[in-house]
Amino acid sequence: MNEISLENMPAPNKKSGRFRKVFVRTPGGRNRLHYKKRKPSKAKCAQCGALLKGVARARASRLKNIPKTKKRPERPYPNLCSRCARERIKQEKIYSQNKKDDKK
């Protein structure tokens, strides 16, 4: 039988929804309630708000052990989605060409 011991009321700082209830099986065979902080929300594009791919979704304490290349994409403008980054690069190219033409 799976008994879950909820001996006490949750502490006031654990009732807000910031923490997630996790039932942990102890070596003695009992299930105990632990509280873990929730994962942060997924990274979004700064321009259009689409979800970013290739960006780690973890708390800062875990991110410090992950290499920098795994934390964010290695393309230019890592805070933009690939579509918006492509448009931004095209706009820069057009802007630089216009600037060159103005100097001539």
PDB file of N, CA and C in Angstrom:
ATOM      1  N   MET A   1       0.836  -1.178   0.000  1.00  0.00           N
ATOM      2  CA  MET A   1       0.000   0.000   0.000  1.00  0.00           C
ATOM      3  C   MET A   1       0.880   1.241   0.000  1.00  0.00           C
ATOM      4  N   ASN A   2       0.574   2.190  -0.841  1.00  0.00           N
ATOM      5  CA  ASN A   2       1.343   3.424  -0.915  1.00  0.00           C
ATOM      6  C   ASN A   2       0.809   4.425   0.076  1.00  0.00           C
ATOM      7  N   GLU A   3       1.516   4.563   1.187  1.00  0.00           N
ATOM      8  CA  GLU A   3       1.125   5.554   2.177  1.00  0.00           C
ATOM      9  C   GLU A   3       1.957   6.805   1.958  1.00  0.00           C
ATOM     10  N   ILE A   4       1.308   7.913   1.941  1.00  0.00           N
ATOM     11  CA  ILE A   4       1.983   9.182   1.776  1.00  0.00           C
ATOM     12  C   ILE A   4       1.792   9.960   3.063  1.00  0.00           C
ATOM     13  N   SER A   5       2.911  10.276   3.712  1.00  0.00           N
ATOM     14  CA  SER A   5       2.784  10.944   5.001  1.00  0.00           C
ATOM     15  C   SER A   5       2.740  12.449   4.812  1.00  0.00           C
ATOM     16  N   LEU A   6       1.615  13.017   5.082  1.00  0.00           N
ATOM     17  CA  LEU A   6       1.440  14.458   5.089  1.00  0.00           C
ATOM     18  C   LEU A   6       1.189  14.845   6.538  1.00  0.00           C
ATOM     19  N   GLU A   7       2.273  14.820   7.328  1.00  0.00           N
ATOM     20  CA  GLU A   7       2.116  14.942   8.767  1.00  0.00           C
ATOM     21  C   GLU A   7       1.683  16.332   9.189  1.00  0.00           C
ATOM     22  N   ASN A   8       2.265  17.347   8.593  1.00  0.00           N
ATOM     23  CA  ASN A   8       1.992  18.713   9.022  1.00  0.00           C
ATOM     24  C   ASN A   8       1.392  19.510   7.881  1.00  0.00           C
ATOM     25  N   MET A   9       0.861  20.650   8.234  1.00  0.00           N
ATOM     26  CA  MET A   9       0.411  21.572   7.195  1.00  0.00           C
ATOM     27  C   MET A   9       1.637  22.145   6.507  1.00  0.00           C
ATOM     28  N   PRO A  10       1.529  22.543   5.237  1.00  0.00           N
ATOM     29  CA  PRO A  10       2.695  23.129   4.578  1.00  0.00           C
ATOM     30  C   PRO A  10       3.060  24.454   5.226  1.00  0.00           C
ATOM     31  N   ALA A  11       4.335  24.733   5.244  1.00  0.00           N
ATOM     32  CA  ALA A  11       4.811  26.004   5.793  1.00  0.00           C
ATOM     33  C   ALA A  11       4.236  27.145   4.960  1.00  0.00           C
ATOM     34  N   PRO A  12       4.017  28.301   5.545  1.00  0.00           N
ATOM     35  CA  PRO A  12       3.406  29.412   4.798  1.00  0.00           C
ATOM     36  C   PRO A  12       4.158  29.786   3.519  1.00  0.00           C
ATOM     37  N   ASN A  13       5.494  29.643   3.542  1.00  0.00           N
ATOM     38  CA  ASN A  13       6.243  29.996   2.337  1.00  0.00           C
ATOM     39  C   ASN A  13       6.144  28.938   1.241  1.00  0.00           C
ATOM     40  N   LYS A  14       5.555  27.796   1.527  1.00  0.00           N
ATOM     41  CA  LYS A  14       5.413  26.722   0.528  1.00  0.00           C
ATOM     42  C   LYS A  14       4.015  26.699  -0.094  1.00  0.00           C
ATOM     43  N   LYS A  15       3.122  27.588   0.347  1.00  0.00           N
ATOM     44  CA  LYS A  15       1.736  27.542  -0.116  1.00  0.00           C
ATOM     45  C   LYS A  15       1.474  28.421  -1.324  1.00  0.00           C
ATOM     46  N   SER A  16       2.465  29.170  -1.778  1.00  0.00           N
ATOM     47  CA  SER A  16       2.216  30.210  -2.771  1.00  0.00           C
ATOM     48  C   SER A  16       2.082  29.683  -4.196  1.00  0.00           C
ATOM     49  N   GLY A  17       2.545  28.477  -4.468  1.00  0.00           N
ATOM     50  CA  GLY A  17       2.541  27.980  -5.839  1.00  0.00           C
ATOM     51  C   GLY A  17       3.904  28.098  -6.485  1.00  0.00           C
ATOM     52  N   ARG A  18       4.855  28.715  -5.803  1.00  0.00           N
ATOM     53  CA  ARG A  18       6.224  28.805  -6.301  1.00  0.00           C
ATOM     54  C   ARG A  18       6.899  27.450  -6.227  1.00  0.00           C
ATOM     55  N   PHE A  19       6.442  26.621  -5.283  1.00  0.00           N
ATOM     56  CA  PHE A  19       7.062  25.330  -5.065  1.00  0.00           C
ATOM     57  C   PHE A  19       6.172  24.217  -5.588  1.00  0.00           C
ATOM     58  N   ARG A  20       6.801  23.131  -6.017  1.00  0.00           N
ATOM     59  CA  ARG A  20       6.127  21.980  -6.570  1.00  0.00           C
ATOM     60  C   ARG A  20       6.223  20.852  -5.558  1.00  0.00           C
ATOM     61  N   LYS A  21       5.140  20.131  -5.367  1.00  0.00           N
ATOM     62  CA  LYS A  21       5.174  18.990  -4.461  1.00  0.00           C
ATOM     63  C   LYS A  21       5.786  17.802  -5.181  1.00  0.00           C
ATOM     64  N   VAL A  22       6.773  17.187  -4.548  1.00  0.00           N
ATOM     65  CA  VAL A  22       7.429  16.013  -5.106  1.00  0.00           C
ATOM     66  C   VAL A  22       7.436  14.939  -4.037  1.00  0.00           C
ATOM     67  N   PHE A  23       6.901  13.785  -4.358  1.00  0.00           N
ATOM     68  CA  PHE A  23       6.902  12.680  -3.419  1.00  0.00           C
ATOM     69  C   PHE A  23       8.161  11.862  -3.645  1.00  0.00           C
ATOM     70  N   VAL A  24       8.970  11.740  -2.580  1.00  0.00           N
ATOM     71  CA  VAL A  24      10.261  11.060  -2.657  1.00  0.00           C
ATOM     72  C   VAL A  24      10.185   9.786  -1.838  1.00  0.00           C
ATOM     73  N   ARG A  25      10.641   8.703  -2.434  1.00  0.00           N
ATOM     74  CA  ARG A  25      10.655   7.415  -1.737  1.00  0.00           C
ATOM     75  C   ARG A  25      11.945   7.321  -0.927  1.00  0.00           C
ATOM     76  N   THR A  26      11.827   7.125   0.375  1.00  0.00           N
ATOM     77  CA  THR A  26      12.999   7.044   1.240  1.00  0.00           C
ATOM     78  C   THR A  26      13.544   5.623   1.238  1.00  0.00           C
ATOM     79  N   PRO A  27      14.784   5.439   1.663  1.00  0.00           N
ATOM     80  CA  PRO A  27      15.337   4.079   1.729  1.00  0.00           C
ATOM     81  C   PRO A  27      14.555   3.160   2.660  1.00  0.00           C
ATOM     82  N   GLY A  28      13.860   3.727   3.630  1.00  0.00           N
ATOM     83  CA  GLY A  28      13.060   2.916   4.548  1.00  0.00           C
ATOM     84  C   GLY A  28      11.733   2.466   3.958  1.00  0.00           C
ATOM     85  N   GLY A  29      11.436   2.896   2.734  1.00  0.00           N
ATOM     86  CA  GLY A  29      10.217   2.469   2.058  1.00  0.00           C
ATOM     87  C   GLY A  29       9.050   3.411   2.231  1.00  0.00           C
ATOM     88  N   ARG A  30       9.260   4.565   2.859  1.00  0.00           N
ATOM     89  CA  ARG A  30       8.175   5.524   3.034  1.00  0.00           C
ATOM     90  C   ARG A  30       8.220   6.571   1.939  1.00  0.00           C
ATOM     91  N   ASN A  31       7.080   7.119   1.642  1.00  0.00           N
ATOM     92  CA  ASN A  31       7.019   8.249   0.723  1.00  0.00           C
ATOM     93  C   ASN A  31       6.960   9.526   1.537  1.00  0.00           C
ATOM     94  N   ARG A  32       7.838  10.450   1.240  1.00  0.00           N
ATOM     95  CA  ARG A  32       7.872  11.727   1.940  1.00  0.00           C
ATOM     96  C   ARG A  32       7.616  12.837   0.942  1.00  0.00           C
ATOM     97  N   LEU A  33       7.057  13.904   1.428  1.00  0.00           N
ATOM     98  CA  LEU A  33       6.753  15.054   0.581  1.00  0.00           C
ATOM     99  C   LEU A  33       7.899  16.045   0.647  1.00  0.00           C
ATOM    100  N   HIS A  34       8.485  16.338  -0.507  1.00  0.00           N
ATOM    101  CA  HIS A  34       9.511  17.372  -0.615  1.00  0.00           C
ATOM    102  C   HIS A  34       8.950  18.485  -1.481  1.00  0.00           C
ATOM    103  N   TYR A  35       9.499  19.673  -1.330  1.00  0.00           N
ATOM    104  CA  TYR A  35       9.091  20.811  -2.145  1.00  0.00           C
ATOM    105  C   TYR A  35      10.270  21.238  -3.003  1.00  0.00           C
ATOM    106  N   LYS A  36      10.037  21.383  -4.299  1.00  0.00           N
ATOM    107  CA  LYS A  36      11.072  21.850  -5.214  1.00  0.00           C
ATOM    108  C   LYS A  36      10.583  23.104  -5.905  1.00  0.00           C
ATOM    109  N   LYS A  37      11.516  23.982  -6.229  1.00  0.00           N
ATOM    110  CA  LYS A  37      11.137  25.185  -6.955  1.00  0.00           C
ATOM    111  C   LYS A  37      10.751  24.802  -8.371  1.00  0.00           C
ATOM    112  N   ARG A  38       9.785  25.493  -8.915  1.00  0.00           N
ATOM    113  CA  ARG A  38       9.315  25.198 -10.264  1.00  0.00           C
ATOM    114  C   ARG A  38      10.333  25.636 -11.299  1.00  0.00           C
ATOM    115  N   LYS A  39      10.245  25.041 -12.480  1.00  0.00           N
ATOM    116  CA  LYS A  39      11.111  25.452 -13.579  1.00  0.00           C
ATOM    117  C   LYS A  39      10.700  26.839 -14.056  1.00  0.00           C
ATOM    118  N   PRO A  40      11.647  27.627 -14.542  1.00  0.00           N
ATOM    119  CA  PRO A  40      11.276  28.927 -15.103  1.00  0.00           C
ATOM    120  C   PRO A  40      10.542  28.747 -16.423  1.00  0.00           C
ATOM    121  N   SER A  41       9.870  29.783 -16.855  1.00  0.00           N
ATOM    122  CA  SER A  41       9.122  29.687 -18.114  1.00  0.00           C
ATOM    123  C   SER A  41      10.087  29.583 -19.289  1.00  0.00           C
ATOM    124  N   LYS A  42       9.586  29.092 -20.404  1.00  0.00           N
ATOM    125  CA  LYS A  42      10.421  28.913 -21.586  1.00  0.00           C
ATOM    126  C   LYS A  42      10.823  30.266 -22.153  1.00  0.00           C
ATOM    127  N   ALA A  43      12.007  30.304 -22.755  1.00  0.00           N
ATOM    128  CA  ALA A  43      12.510  31.548 -23.332  1.00  0.00           C
ATOM    129  C   ALA A  43      11.695  31.903 -24.569  1.00  0.00           C
ATOM    130  N   LYS A  44      11.395  33.189 -24.727  1.00  0.00           N
ATOM    131  CA  LYS A  44      10.592  33.654 -25.852  1.00  0.00           C
ATOM    132  C   LYS A  44      11.392  34.647 -26.678  1.00  0.00           C
ATOM    133  N   CYS A  45      11.030  34.745 -27.944  1.00  0.00           N
ATOM    134  CA  CYS A  45      11.659  35.699 -28.870  1.00  0.00           C
ATOM    135  C   CYS A  45      11.359  37.116 -28.391  1.00  0.00           C
ATOM    136  N   ALA A  46      12.371  37.979 -28.419  1.00  0.00           N
ATOM    137  CA  ALA A  46      12.204  39.350 -27.950  1.00  0.00           C
ATOM    138  C   ALA A  46      11.341  40.173 -28.899  1.00  0.00           C
ATOM    139  N   GLN A  47      11.236  39.738 -30.153  1.00  0.00           N
ATOM    140  CA  GLN A  47      10.501  40.523 -31.137  1.00  0.00           C
ATOM    141  C   GLN A  47       9.073  40.028 -31.331  1.00  0.00           C
ATOM    142  N   CYS A  48       8.906  38.729 -31.578  1.00  0.00           N
ATOM    143  CA  CYS A  48       7.565  38.226 -31.908  1.00  0.00           C
ATOM    144  C   CYS A  48       6.940  37.391 -30.786  1.00  0.00           C
ATOM    145  N   GLY A  49       7.727  36.976 -29.788  1.00  0.00           N
ATOM    146  CA  GLY A  49       7.179  36.219 -28.670  1.00  0.00           C
ATOM    147  C   GLY A  49       7.093  34.721 -28.893  1.00  0.00           C
ATOM    148  N   ALA A  50       7.642  34.208 -29.999  1.00  0.00           N
ATOM    149  CA  ALA A  50       7.625  32.765 -30.252  1.00  0.00           C
ATOM    150  C   ALA A  50       8.600  32.072 -29.305  1.00  0.00           C
ATOM    151  N   LEU A  51       8.357  30.793 -29.015  1.00  0.00           N
ATOM    152  CA  LEU A  51       9.243  30.046 -28.138  1.00  0.00           C
ATOM    153  C   LEU A  51      10.576  29.810 -28.830  1.00  0.00           C
ATOM    154  N   LEU A  52      11.672  30.020 -28.087  1.00  0.00           N
ATOM    155  CA  LEU A  52      13.008  29.837 -28.648  1.00  0.00           C
ATOM    156  C   LEU A  52      13.422  28.383 -28.528  1.00  0.00           C
ATOM    157  N   LYS A  53      14.042  27.881 -29.573  1.00  0.00           N
ATOM    158  CA  LYS A  53      14.552  26.518 -29.570  1.00  0.00           C
ATOM    159  C   LYS A  53      16.036  26.556 -29.225  1.00  0.00           C
ATOM    160  N   GLY A  54      16.509  25.537 -28.538  1.00  0.00           N
ATOM    161  CA  GLY A  54      17.925  25.442 -28.216  1.00  0.00           C
ATOM    162  C   GLY A  54      18.344  26.242 -27.001  1.00  0.00           C
ATOM    163  N   VAL A  55      17.377  26.688 -26.193  1.00  0.00           N
ATOM    164  CA  VAL A  55      17.703  27.441 -24.985  1.00  0.00           C
ATOM    165  C   VAL A  55      17.336  26.572 -23.787  1.00  0.00           C
ATOM    166  N   ALA A  56      18.287  26.388 -22.880  1.00  0.00           N
ATOM    167  CA  ALA A  56      18.056  25.537 -21.711  1.00  0.00           C
ATOM    168  C   ALA A  56      16.996  26.165 -20.812  1.00  0.00           C
ATOM    169  N   ARG A  57      16.179  25.308 -20.214  1.00  0.00           N
ATOM    170  CA  ARG A  57      15.116  25.769 -19.320  1.00  0.00           C
ATOM    171  C   ARG A  57      15.392  25.188 -17.942  1.00  0.00           C
ATOM    172  N   ALA A  58      16.172  25.914 -17.159  1.00  0.00           N
ATOM    173  CA  ALA A  58      16.534  25.434 -15.833  1.00  0.00           C
ATOM    174  C   ALA A  58      16.777  26.622 -14.925  1.00  0.00           C
ATOM    175  N   ARG A  59      16.861  26.339 -13.640  1.00  0.00           N
ATOM    176  CA  ARG A  59      17.163  27.381 -12.660  1.00  0.00           C
ATOM    177  C   ARG A  59      18.633  27.772 -12.766  1.00  0.00           C
ATOM    178  N   ALA A  60      18.963  28.937 -12.257  1.00  0.00           N
ATOM    179  CA  ALA A  60      20.324  29.460 -12.353  1.00  0.00           C
ATOM    180  C   ALA A  60      21.339  28.529 -11.699  1.00  0.00           C
ATOM    181  N   SER A  61      20.942  27.867 -10.614  1.00  0.00           N
ATOM    182  CA  SER A  61      21.866  26.974  -9.921  1.00  0.00           C
ATOM    183  C   SER A  61      22.252  25.784 -10.799  1.00  0.00           C
ATOM    184  N   ARG A  62      21.383  25.365 -11.679  1.00  0.00           N
ATOM    185  CA  ARG A  62      21.708  24.272 -12.598  1.00  0.00           C
ATOM    186  C   ARG A  62      22.419  24.799 -13.838  1.00  0.00           C
ATOM    187  N   LEU A  63      22.055  25.993 -14.289  1.00  0.00           N
ATOM    188  CA  LEU A  63      22.650  26.551 -15.504  1.00  0.00           C
ATOM    189  C   LEU A  63      24.137  26.820 -15.336  1.00  0.00           C
ATOM    190  N   LYS A  64      24.587  27.078 -14.103  1.00  0.00           N
ATOM    191  CA  LYS A  64      26.000  27.386 -13.923  1.00  0.00           C
ATOM    192  C   LYS A  64      26.891  26.178 -14.210  1.00  0.00           C
ATOM    193  N   ASN A  65      26.330  24.973 -14.165  1.00  0.00           N
ATOM    194  CA  ASN A  65      27.108  23.767 -14.450  1.00  0.00           C
ATOM    195  C   ASN A  65      27.014  23.338 -15.912  1.00  0.00           C
ATOM    196  N   ILE A  66      26.194  24.017 -16.705  1.00  0.00           N
ATOM    197  CA  ILE A  66      26.028  23.687 -18.115  1.00  0.00           C
ATOM    198  C   ILE A  66      26.966  24.572 -18.928  1.00  0.00           C
ATOM    199  N   PRO A  67      27.641  24.041 -19.942  1.00  0.00           N
ATOM    200  CA  PRO A  67      28.513  24.892 -20.743  1.00  0.00           C
ATOM    201  C   PRO A  67      27.725  25.971 -21.485  1.00  0.00           C
ATOM    202  N   LYS A  68      28.400  27.066 -21.776  1.00  0.00           N
ATOM    203  CA  LYS A  68      27.752  28.233 -22.385  1.00  0.00           C
ATOM    204  C   LYS A  68      27.115  27.893 -23.732  1.00  0.00           C
ATOM    205  N   THR A  69      27.750  26.980 -24.473  1.00  0.00           N
ATOM    206  CA  THR A  69      27.225  26.632 -25.791  1.00  0.00           C
ATOM    207  C   THR A  69      25.904  25.886 -25.707  1.00  0.00           C
ATOM    208  N   LYS A  70      25.602  25.267 -24.560  1.00  0.00           N
ATOM    209  CA  LYS A  70      24.338  24.541 -24.402  1.00  0.00           C
ATOM    210  C   LYS A  70      23.237  25.436 -23.841  1.00  0.00           C
ATOM    211  N   LYS A  71      23.597  26.640 -23.387  1.00  0.00           N
ATOM    212  CA  LYS A  71      22.609  27.519 -22.764  1.00  0.00           C
ATOM    213  C   LYS A  71      21.829  28.323 -23.779  1.00  0.00           C
ATOM    214  N   ARG A  72      22.468  28.646 -24.884  1.00  0.00           N
ATOM    215  CA  ARG A  72      21.786  29.465 -25.898  1.00  0.00           C
ATOM    216  C   ARG A  72      22.364  29.135 -27.258  1.00  0.00           C
ATOM    217  N   PRO A  73      21.620  29.424 -28.335  1.00  0.00           N
ATOM    218  CA  PRO A  73      22.112  29.114 -29.677  1.00  0.00           C
ATOM    219  C   PRO A  73      23.321  29.973 -30.029  1.00  0.00           C
ATOM    220  N   GLU A  74      24.158  29.466 -30.912  1.00  0.00           N
ATOM    221  CA  GLU A  74      25.385  30.177 -31.268  1.00  0.00           C
ATOM    222  C   GLU A  74      25.228  31.024 -32.525  1.00  0.00           C
ATOM    223  N   ARG A  75      24.007  31.286 -32.926  1.00  0.00           N
ATOM    224  CA  ARG A  75      23.801  32.151 -34.082  1.00  0.00           C
ATOM    225  C   ARG A  75      23.791  33.612 -33.622  1.00  0.00           C
ATOM    226  N   PRO A  76      23.899  34.551 -34.558  1.00  0.00           N
ATOM    227  CA  PRO A  76      23.750  35.951 -34.147  1.00  0.00           C
ATOM    228  C   PRO A  76      22.326  36.191 -33.646  1.00  0.00           C
ATOM    229  N   TYR A  77      22.172  37.122 -32.744  1.00  0.00           N
ATOM    230  CA  TYR A  77      20.887  37.448 -32.113  1.00  0.00           C
ATOM    231  C   TYR A  77      20.263  36.220 -31.459  1.00  0.00           C
ATOM    232  N   PRO A  78      20.897  35.667 -30.413  1.00  0.00           N
ATOM    233  CA  PRO A  78      20.329  34.478 -29.768  1.00  0.00           C
ATOM    234  C   PRO A  78      19.028  34.754 -29.023  1.00  0.00           C
ATOM    235  N   ASN A  79      18.695  36.035 -28.800  1.00  0.00           N
ATOM    236  CA  ASN A  79      17.444  36.354 -28.112  1.00  0.00           C
ATOM    237  C   ASN A  79      16.264  36.442 -29.069  1.00  0.00           C
ATOM    238  N   LEU A  80      16.513  36.241 -30.373  1.00  0.00           N
ATOM    239  CA  LEU A  80      15.440  36.254 -31.378  1.00  0.00           C
ATOM    240  C   LEU A  80      15.264  34.857 -31.943  1.00  0.00           C
ATOM    241  N   CYS A  81      14.048  34.572 -32.415  1.00  0.00           N
ATOM    242  CA  CYS A  81      13.827  33.296 -33.094  1.00  0.00           C
ATOM    243  C   CYS A  81      14.524  33.352 -34.450  1.00  0.00           C
ATOM    244  N   SER A  82      14.694  32.218 -35.088  1.00  0.00           N
ATOM    245  CA  SER A  82      15.469  32.175 -36.327  1.00  0.00           C
ATOM    246  C   SER A  82      14.829  33.040 -37.417  1.00  0.00           C
ATOM    247  N   ARG A  83      13.505  33.101 -37.433  1.00  0.00           N
ATOM    248  CA  ARG A  83      12.811  33.899 -38.445  1.00  0.00           C
ATOM    249  C   ARG A  83      13.105  35.395 -38.268  1.00  0.00           C
ATOM    250  N   CYS A  84      12.969  35.869 -37.035  1.00  0.00           N
ATOM    251  CA  CYS A  84      13.211  37.288 -36.757  1.00  0.00           C
ATOM    252  C   CYS A  84      14.690  37.638 -36.937  1.00  0.00           C
ATOM    253  N   ALA A  85      15.582  36.710 -36.559  1.00  0.00           N
ATOM    254  CA  ALA A  85      17.017  36.949 -36.718  1.00  0.00           C
ATOM    255  C   ALA A  85      17.360  37.069 -38.203  1.00  0.00           C
ATOM    256  N   ARG A  86      16.749  36.221 -39.025  1.00  0.00           N
ATOM    257  CA  ARG A  86      16.997  36.268 -40.468  1.00  0.00           C
ATOM    258  C   ARG A  86      16.544  37.612 -41.040  1.00  0.00           C
ATOM    259  N   GLU A  87      15.362  38.060 -40.609  1.00  0.00           N
ATOM    260  CA  GLU A  87      14.857  39.361 -41.085  1.00  0.00           C
ATOM    261  C   GLU A  87      15.774  40.494 -40.643  1.00  0.00           C
ATOM    262  N   ARG A  88      16.265  40.441 -39.396  1.00  0.00           N
ATOM    263  CA  ARG A  88      17.140  41.479 -38.869  1.00  0.00           C
ATOM    264  C   ARG A  88      18.438  41.542 -39.665  1.00  0.00           C
ATOM    265  N   ILE A  89      18.992  40.377 -40.021  1.00  0.00           N
ATOM    266  CA  ILE A  89      20.237  40.332 -40.801  1.00  0.00           C
ATOM    267  C   ILE A  89      20.004  40.914 -42.186  1.00  0.00           C
ATOM    268  N   LYS A  90      18.847  40.591 -42.794  1.00  0.00           N
ATOM    269  CA  LYS A  90      18.525  41.151 -44.118  1.00  0.00           C
ATOM    270  C   LYS A  90      18.407  42.670 -44.043  1.00  0.00           C
ATOM    271  N   GLN A  91      17.739  43.168 -42.997  1.00  0.00           N
ATOM    272  CA  GLN A  91      17.598  44.617 -42.839  1.00  0.00           C
ATOM    273  C   GLN A  91      18.953  45.288 -42.659  1.00  0.00           C
ATOM    274  N   GLU A  92      19.840  44.662 -41.912  1.00  0.00           N
ATOM    275  CA  GLU A  92      21.181  45.223 -41.724  1.00  0.00           C
ATOM    276  C   GLU A  92      21.930  45.296 -43.032  1.00  0.00           C
ATOM    277  N   LYS A  93      21.794  44.234 -43.840  1.00  0.00           N
ATOM    278  CA  LYS A  93      22.480  44.200 -45.133  1.00  0.00           C
ATOM    279  C   LYS A  93      21.982  45.342 -46.024  1.00  0.00           C
ATOM    280  N   ILE A  94      20.666  45.493 -46.085  1.00  0.00           N
ATOM    281  CA  ILE A  94      20.070  46.558 -46.907  1.00  0.00           C
ATOM    282  C   ILE A  94      20.504  47.922 -46.387  1.00  0.00           C
ATOM    283  N   TYR A  95      20.515  48.090 -45.063  1.00  0.00           N
ATOM    284  CA  TYR A  95      20.901  49.366 -44.458  1.00  0.00           C
ATOM    285  C   TYR A  95      22.358  49.695 -44.769  1.00  0.00           C
ATOM    286  N   SER A  96      23.241  48.678 -44.663  1.00  0.00           N
ATOM    287  CA  SER A  96      24.662  48.936 -44.948  1.00  0.00           C
ATOM    288  C   SER A  96      24.888  49.241 -46.422  1.00  0.00           C
ATOM    289  N   GLN A  97      24.136  48.582 -47.312  1.00  0.00           N
ATOM    290  CA  GLN A  97      24.268  48.870 -48.745  1.00  0.00           C
ATOM    291  C   GLN A  97      23.790  50.288 -49.061  1.00  0.00           C
ATOM    292  N   ASN A  98      22.679  50.699 -48.459  1.00  0.00           N
ATOM    293  CA  ASN A  98      22.178  52.061 -48.661  1.00  0.00           C
ATOM    294  C   ASN A  98      23.174  53.080 -48.130  1.00  0.00           C
ATOM    295  N   LYS A  99      23.814  52.777 -47.031  1.00  0.00           N
ATOM    296  CA  LYS A  99      24.777  53.681 -46.435  1.00  0.00           C
ATOM    297  C   LYS A  99      25.987  53.849 -47.357  1.00  0.00           C
ATOM    298  N   LYS A 100      26.441  52.720 -47.969  1.00  0.00           N
ATOM    299  CA  LYS A 100      27.562  52.759 -48.907  1.00  0.00           C
ATOM    300  C   LYS A 100      27.195  53.589 -50.137  1.00  0.00           C
ATOM    301  N   ASP A 101      25.957  53.416 -50.637  1.00  0.00           N
ATOM    302  CA  ASP A 101      25.520  54.144 -51.827  1.00  0.00           C
ATOM    303  C   ASP A 101      25.435  55.641 -51.542  1.00  0.00           C
ATOM    304  N   ASP A 102      25.055  56.016 -50.333  1.00  0.00           N
ATOM    305  CA  ASP A 102      24.950  57.425 -49.966  1.00  0.00           C
ATOM    306  C   ASP A 102      26.321  58.093 -49.923  1.00  0.00           C
ATOM    307  N   LYS A 103      27.355  57.328 -49.558  1.00  0.00           N
ATOM    308  CA  LYS A 103      28.712  57.893 -49.477  1.00  0.00           C
ATOM    309  C   LYS A 103      29.269  58.165 -50.845  1.00  0.00           C
ATOM    310  N   LYS A 104      28.844  57.383 -51.853  1.00  0.00           N
ATOM    311  CA  LYS A 104      29.384  57.552 -53.217  1.00  0.00           C
ATOM    312  C   LYS A 104      28.813  58.773 -53.836  1.00  0.00           C
TER     313      LYS A 104
END
